[in-house]
N, C-alpha and C. Protein backbone atom coordinates (compact mmCIF):
# COMPACT_ATOMS: atom_id res chain seq x y z
N UNK A 1 -27.52 -56.72 -19.46
CA UNK A 1 -27.30 -55.70 -18.45
C UNK A 1 -26.05 -54.88 -18.76
N UNK A 2 -24.97 -55.51 -19.21
CA UNK A 2 -23.75 -54.81 -19.53
C UNK A 2 -23.95 -53.92 -20.75
N UNK A 3 -24.81 -54.35 -21.64
CA UNK A 3 -25.03 -53.62 -22.86
C UNK A 3 -25.64 -52.24 -22.59
N UNK A 4 -26.50 -52.10 -21.58
CA UNK A 4 -27.17 -50.85 -21.25
C UNK A 4 -26.21 -49.85 -20.58
N UNK A 5 -25.20 -50.28 -19.88
CA UNK A 5 -24.32 -49.40 -19.12
C UNK A 5 -23.11 -48.95 -19.92
N UNK A 6 -23.09 -49.24 -21.16
CA UNK A 6 -21.98 -48.85 -21.99
C UNK A 6 -21.90 -47.33 -22.11
N UNK A 7 -20.73 -46.72 -21.83
CA UNK A 7 -20.56 -45.28 -21.93
C UNK A 7 -20.91 -44.51 -20.67
N UNK A 8 -21.50 -45.15 -19.67
CA UNK A 8 -21.86 -44.46 -18.44
C UNK A 8 -20.59 -44.00 -17.71
N UNK A 9 -19.55 -44.78 -17.72
CA UNK A 9 -18.30 -44.40 -17.06
C UNK A 9 -17.71 -43.13 -17.64
N UNK A 10 -17.78 -42.97 -18.93
CA UNK A 10 -17.25 -41.78 -19.59
C UNK A 10 -18.03 -40.54 -19.18
N UNK A 11 -19.35 -40.61 -19.10
CA UNK A 11 -20.17 -39.47 -18.68
C UNK A 11 -19.85 -39.10 -17.24
N UNK A 12 -19.69 -40.09 -16.39
CA UNK A 12 -19.36 -39.82 -14.99
C UNK A 12 -18.00 -39.13 -14.87
N UNK A 13 -17.05 -39.56 -15.67
CA UNK A 13 -15.72 -38.93 -15.66
C UNK A 13 -15.81 -37.49 -16.13
N UNK A 14 -16.57 -37.23 -17.19
CA UNK A 14 -16.72 -35.87 -17.69
C UNK A 14 -17.37 -34.96 -16.66
N UNK A 15 -18.39 -35.44 -15.97
CA UNK A 15 -19.05 -34.65 -14.92
C UNK A 15 -18.07 -34.37 -13.77
N UNK A 16 -17.29 -35.37 -13.38
CA UNK A 16 -16.32 -35.20 -12.31
C UNK A 16 -15.26 -34.17 -12.71
N UNK A 17 -14.78 -34.21 -13.95
CA UNK A 17 -13.79 -33.25 -14.42
C UNK A 17 -14.39 -31.84 -14.45
N UNK A 18 -15.63 -31.71 -14.86
CA UNK A 18 -16.30 -30.41 -14.86
C UNK A 18 -16.39 -29.84 -13.45
N UNK A 19 -16.81 -30.65 -12.50
CA UNK A 19 -16.90 -30.19 -11.11
C UNK A 19 -15.52 -29.81 -10.55
N UNK A 20 -14.54 -30.59 -10.86
CA UNK A 20 -13.18 -30.30 -10.42
C UNK A 20 -12.67 -28.99 -11.03
N UNK A 21 -12.99 -28.77 -12.30
CA UNK A 21 -12.58 -27.53 -12.97
C UNK A 21 -13.21 -26.31 -12.31
N UNK A 22 -14.48 -26.39 -11.99
CA UNK A 22 -15.16 -25.28 -11.32
C UNK A 22 -14.54 -25.03 -9.96
N UNK A 23 -14.22 -26.07 -9.22
CA UNK A 23 -13.60 -25.92 -7.91
C UNK A 23 -12.22 -25.29 -8.01
N UNK A 24 -11.43 -25.69 -8.99
CA UNK A 24 -10.08 -25.13 -9.17
C UNK A 24 -10.16 -23.67 -9.56
N UNK A 25 -11.11 -23.30 -10.43
CA UNK A 25 -11.27 -21.90 -10.81
C UNK A 25 -11.67 -21.05 -9.61
N UNK A 26 -12.55 -21.55 -8.78
CA UNK A 26 -12.94 -20.83 -7.57
C UNK A 26 -11.77 -20.64 -6.61
N UNK A 27 -10.98 -21.69 -6.46
CA UNK A 27 -9.80 -21.61 -5.60
C UNK A 27 -8.79 -20.61 -6.15
N UNK A 28 -8.62 -20.58 -7.45
CA UNK A 28 -7.69 -19.63 -8.08
C UNK A 28 -8.14 -18.19 -7.84
N UNK A 29 -9.42 -17.94 -7.96
CA UNK A 29 -9.95 -16.59 -7.72
C UNK A 29 -9.71 -16.18 -6.27
N UNK A 30 -9.93 -17.09 -5.34
CA UNK A 30 -9.67 -16.78 -3.93
C UNK A 30 -8.19 -16.52 -3.68
N UNK A 31 -7.34 -17.26 -4.33
CA UNK A 31 -5.90 -17.07 -4.17
C UNK A 31 -5.47 -15.69 -4.66
N UNK A 32 -5.99 -15.27 -5.82
CA UNK A 32 -5.67 -13.95 -6.35
C UNK A 32 -6.15 -12.84 -5.42
N UNK A 33 -7.33 -13.03 -4.85
CA UNK A 33 -7.86 -12.04 -3.92
C UNK A 33 -7.02 -11.99 -2.65
N UNK A 34 -6.52 -13.11 -2.18
CA UNK A 34 -5.66 -13.14 -0.99
C UNK A 34 -4.34 -12.42 -1.25
N UNK A 35 -3.77 -12.61 -2.43
CA UNK A 35 -2.52 -11.93 -2.79
C UNK A 35 -2.75 -10.42 -2.83
N UNK A 36 -3.87 -10.00 -3.41
CA UNK A 36 -4.19 -8.58 -3.47
C UNK A 36 -4.35 -7.99 -2.08
N UNK A 37 -5.02 -8.69 -1.20
CA UNK A 37 -5.21 -8.21 0.17
C UNK A 37 -3.88 -8.13 0.92
N UNK A 38 -2.99 -9.06 0.65
CA UNK A 38 -1.68 -9.03 1.28
C UNK A 38 -0.87 -7.82 0.82
N UNK A 39 -0.92 -7.53 -0.48
CA UNK A 39 -0.22 -6.35 -1.00
C UNK A 39 -0.77 -5.07 -0.39
N UNK A 40 -2.08 -4.98 -0.28
CA UNK A 40 -2.71 -3.79 0.30
C UNK A 40 -2.30 -3.64 1.77
N UNK A 41 -2.26 -4.74 2.47
CA UNK A 41 -1.85 -4.71 3.88
C UNK A 41 -0.41 -4.24 4.02
N UNK A 42 0.47 -4.70 3.15
CA UNK A 42 1.87 -4.28 3.19
C UNK A 42 1.99 -2.78 2.95
N UNK A 43 1.27 -2.27 1.98
CA UNK A 43 1.32 -0.83 1.69
C UNK A 43 0.80 -0.03 2.87
N UNK A 44 -0.28 -0.49 3.49
CA UNK A 44 -0.81 0.22 4.66
C UNK A 44 0.19 0.22 5.81
N UNK A 45 0.84 -0.89 6.03
CA UNK A 45 1.83 -0.97 7.10
C UNK A 45 3.00 -0.03 6.83
N UNK A 46 3.50 -0.01 5.60
CA UNK A 46 4.60 0.87 5.26
C UNK A 46 4.18 2.33 5.37
N UNK A 47 2.99 2.65 4.94
CA UNK A 47 2.48 4.02 5.01
C UNK A 47 2.38 4.46 6.47
N UNK A 48 1.82 3.62 7.31
CA UNK A 48 1.70 3.98 8.73
C UNK A 48 3.06 4.18 9.36
N UNK A 49 4.02 3.39 8.97
CA UNK A 49 5.37 3.55 9.50
C UNK A 49 5.97 4.90 9.11
N UNK A 50 5.78 5.31 7.87
CA UNK A 50 6.29 6.60 7.40
C UNK A 50 5.58 7.74 8.14
N UNK A 51 4.28 7.64 8.31
CA UNK A 51 3.51 8.69 8.98
C UNK A 51 3.88 8.76 10.46
N UNK A 52 4.08 7.62 11.09
CA UNK A 52 4.52 7.63 12.50
C UNK A 52 5.88 8.30 12.64
N UNK A 53 6.77 8.05 11.70
CA UNK A 53 8.08 8.70 11.73
C UNK A 53 7.94 10.21 11.62
N UNK A 54 7.07 10.67 10.74
CA UNK A 54 6.84 12.11 10.61
C UNK A 54 6.24 12.68 11.89
N UNK A 55 5.32 11.95 12.49
CA UNK A 55 4.71 12.42 13.74
C UNK A 55 5.75 12.55 14.85
N UNK A 56 6.68 11.61 14.91
CA UNK A 56 7.76 11.70 15.90
C UNK A 56 8.66 12.89 15.61
N UNK A 57 8.97 13.13 14.35
CA UNK A 57 9.79 14.29 13.99
C UNK A 57 9.07 15.59 14.34
N UNK A 58 7.77 15.62 14.11
CA UNK A 58 6.99 16.82 14.43
C UNK A 58 6.96 17.05 15.94
N UNK A 59 6.87 15.97 16.69
CA UNK A 59 6.87 16.10 18.15
C UNK A 59 8.21 16.61 18.65
N UNK A 60 9.30 16.17 18.02
CA UNK A 60 10.63 16.61 18.43
C UNK A 60 10.90 18.06 18.00
N UNK A 61 10.25 18.52 16.95
CA UNK A 61 10.44 19.88 16.43
C UNK A 61 9.12 20.63 16.49
N UNK A 62 8.49 20.62 17.64
CA UNK A 62 7.11 21.11 17.78
C UNK A 62 6.98 22.62 17.57
N UNK A 63 8.08 23.37 17.64
CA UNK A 63 7.97 24.82 17.42
C UNK A 63 7.61 25.13 15.97
N UNK A 64 7.87 24.21 15.07
CA UNK A 64 7.67 24.44 13.64
C UNK A 64 6.45 23.70 13.08
N UNK A 65 5.44 23.48 13.91
CA UNK A 65 4.24 22.76 13.46
C UNK A 65 3.61 23.47 12.26
N UNK A 66 3.57 24.80 12.30
CA UNK A 66 2.98 25.55 11.17
C UNK A 66 3.77 25.33 9.88
N UNK A 67 5.10 25.22 10.00
CA UNK A 67 5.93 24.96 8.81
C UNK A 67 5.64 23.58 8.26
N UNK A 68 5.49 22.59 9.14
CA UNK A 68 5.13 21.25 8.69
C UNK A 68 3.81 21.29 7.93
N UNK A 69 2.82 21.97 8.50
CA UNK A 69 1.49 22.03 7.88
C UNK A 69 1.56 22.70 6.51
N UNK A 70 2.24 23.84 6.42
CA UNK A 70 2.34 24.54 5.14
C UNK A 70 3.04 23.69 4.09
N UNK A 71 4.12 23.03 4.48
CA UNK A 71 4.89 22.25 3.52
C UNK A 71 4.14 21.01 3.08
N UNK A 72 3.49 20.33 4.00
CA UNK A 72 2.73 19.12 3.65
C UNK A 72 1.57 19.45 2.73
N UNK A 73 0.91 20.56 2.97
CA UNK A 73 -0.25 20.94 2.16
C UNK A 73 0.14 21.58 0.83
N UNK A 74 1.41 21.93 0.66
CA UNK A 74 1.89 22.53 -0.59
C UNK A 74 2.49 21.42 -1.45
N UNK A 75 1.79 21.04 -2.50
CA UNK A 75 2.26 19.94 -3.34
C UNK A 75 3.51 20.30 -4.15
N UNK A 76 3.80 21.58 -4.29
CA UNK A 76 4.96 22.01 -5.08
C UNK A 76 6.19 22.26 -4.21
N UNK A 77 6.12 21.97 -2.92
CA UNK A 77 7.24 22.24 -2.02
C UNK A 77 8.44 21.37 -2.38
N UNK A 78 9.63 21.94 -2.23
CA UNK A 78 10.86 21.21 -2.51
C UNK A 78 11.79 21.33 -1.31
N UNK A 79 12.76 20.44 -1.28
CA UNK A 79 13.74 20.47 -0.19
C UNK A 79 14.57 21.75 -0.27
N UNK A 80 15.03 22.20 0.90
CA UNK A 80 15.90 23.37 0.95
C UNK A 80 17.30 22.91 1.36
N UNK A 81 18.29 23.65 0.92
CA UNK A 81 19.66 23.30 1.30
C UNK A 81 20.08 24.13 2.49
N UNK A 82 20.79 23.50 3.37
CA UNK A 82 21.25 24.16 4.58
C UNK A 82 22.61 24.80 4.32
N UNK A 83 22.87 25.91 4.96
CA UNK A 83 24.14 26.60 4.77
C UNK A 83 25.17 26.07 5.76
N UNK A 84 26.34 25.80 5.26
CA UNK A 84 27.46 25.31 6.07
C UNK A 84 27.12 24.05 6.86
N UNK A 85 26.20 23.26 6.33
CA UNK A 85 25.84 22.01 7.00
C UNK A 85 24.97 22.18 8.23
N UNK A 86 24.59 23.40 8.53
CA UNK A 86 23.75 23.69 9.69
C UNK A 86 22.35 24.04 9.22
N UNK A 87 21.38 23.28 9.68
CA UNK A 87 20.00 23.54 9.30
C UNK A 87 19.26 24.19 10.46
N UNK A 88 18.40 25.12 10.12
CA UNK A 88 17.53 25.70 11.14
C UNK A 88 16.37 24.74 11.38
N UNK A 89 15.63 24.98 12.44
CA UNK A 89 14.48 24.14 12.74
C UNK A 89 13.45 24.19 11.61
N UNK A 90 13.31 25.36 10.99
CA UNK A 90 12.37 25.50 9.88
C UNK A 90 12.83 24.69 8.67
N UNK A 91 14.11 24.73 8.35
CA UNK A 91 14.64 23.97 7.22
C UNK A 91 14.49 22.46 7.46
N UNK A 92 14.71 22.04 8.68
CA UNK A 92 14.53 20.62 9.02
C UNK A 92 13.07 20.23 8.81
N UNK A 93 12.16 21.07 9.27
CA UNK A 93 10.73 20.77 9.11
C UNK A 93 10.35 20.68 7.64
N UNK A 94 10.86 21.60 6.83
CA UNK A 94 10.55 21.59 5.40
C UNK A 94 11.08 20.32 4.75
N UNK A 95 12.34 20.00 5.02
CA UNK A 95 12.95 18.82 4.40
C UNK A 95 12.26 17.53 4.83
N UNK A 96 11.94 17.40 6.11
CA UNK A 96 11.25 16.18 6.57
C UNK A 96 9.88 16.06 5.94
N UNK A 97 9.17 17.17 5.82
CA UNK A 97 7.84 17.15 5.21
C UNK A 97 7.90 16.75 3.74
N UNK A 98 8.85 17.32 3.02
CA UNK A 98 8.99 17.03 1.58
C UNK A 98 9.36 15.56 1.38
N UNK A 99 10.31 15.07 2.17
CA UNK A 99 10.73 13.67 2.05
C UNK A 99 9.56 12.73 2.33
N UNK A 100 8.81 13.02 3.39
CA UNK A 100 7.68 12.17 3.74
C UNK A 100 6.60 12.19 2.67
N UNK A 101 6.30 13.38 2.17
CA UNK A 101 5.27 13.50 1.14
C UNK A 101 5.66 12.72 -0.12
N UNK A 102 6.92 12.83 -0.53
CA UNK A 102 7.38 12.09 -1.72
C UNK A 102 7.35 10.58 -1.48
N UNK A 103 7.74 10.15 -0.28
CA UNK A 103 7.73 8.72 0.03
C UNK A 103 6.29 8.18 -0.03
N UNK A 104 5.34 8.94 0.50
CA UNK A 104 3.95 8.49 0.49
C UNK A 104 3.38 8.48 -0.93
N UNK A 105 3.84 9.38 -1.79
CA UNK A 105 3.37 9.37 -3.19
C UNK A 105 3.82 8.11 -3.90
N UNK A 106 4.96 7.53 -3.49
CA UNK A 106 5.40 6.26 -4.06
C UNK A 106 4.39 5.15 -3.78
N UNK A 107 3.67 5.28 -2.67
CA UNK A 107 2.64 4.30 -2.30
C UNK A 107 1.26 4.73 -2.77
N UNK A 108 1.18 5.79 -3.60
CA UNK A 108 -0.09 6.35 -4.07
C UNK A 108 -0.97 6.82 -2.92
N UNK A 109 -0.33 7.46 -1.93
CA UNK A 109 -1.04 7.99 -0.78
C UNK A 109 -0.83 9.50 -0.76
N UNK A 110 -1.94 10.23 -0.69
CA UNK A 110 -1.87 11.69 -0.55
C UNK A 110 -2.06 12.04 0.92
N UNK A 111 -1.33 13.03 1.37
CA UNK A 111 -1.38 13.44 2.77
C UNK A 111 -1.69 14.92 2.84
N UNK A 112 -2.45 15.30 3.84
CA UNK A 112 -2.69 16.71 4.12
C UNK A 112 -2.76 16.87 5.64
N UNK A 113 -2.54 18.08 6.08
CA UNK A 113 -2.52 18.33 7.52
C UNK A 113 -3.41 19.52 7.82
N UNK A 114 -4.24 19.39 8.82
CA UNK A 114 -5.12 20.48 9.24
C UNK A 114 -4.84 20.86 10.67
């Protein structure tokens, strides 16, 4: 009886190691996907925070909504310098729009306003 079961333990160990390997690979793939989803969630949260800040600035400077729209939709817009440290409402709108657009480009997010 012992003679027939010789080597059976080794086959069982090999099958168990194979099953364990498949399970570990599956777990690793799930872990990588979870990390990717976490990174995406962080970027979305940061993006929404930047956009909310711009919305609050637009609400506070509502006379210049058209300036915000023009500047946000113009990809070549640059910041303007204020004279004597005093900025007009239009210059503030341009600078805030340019800063926000550049910050969102760091997150690979394009913004437009209609």
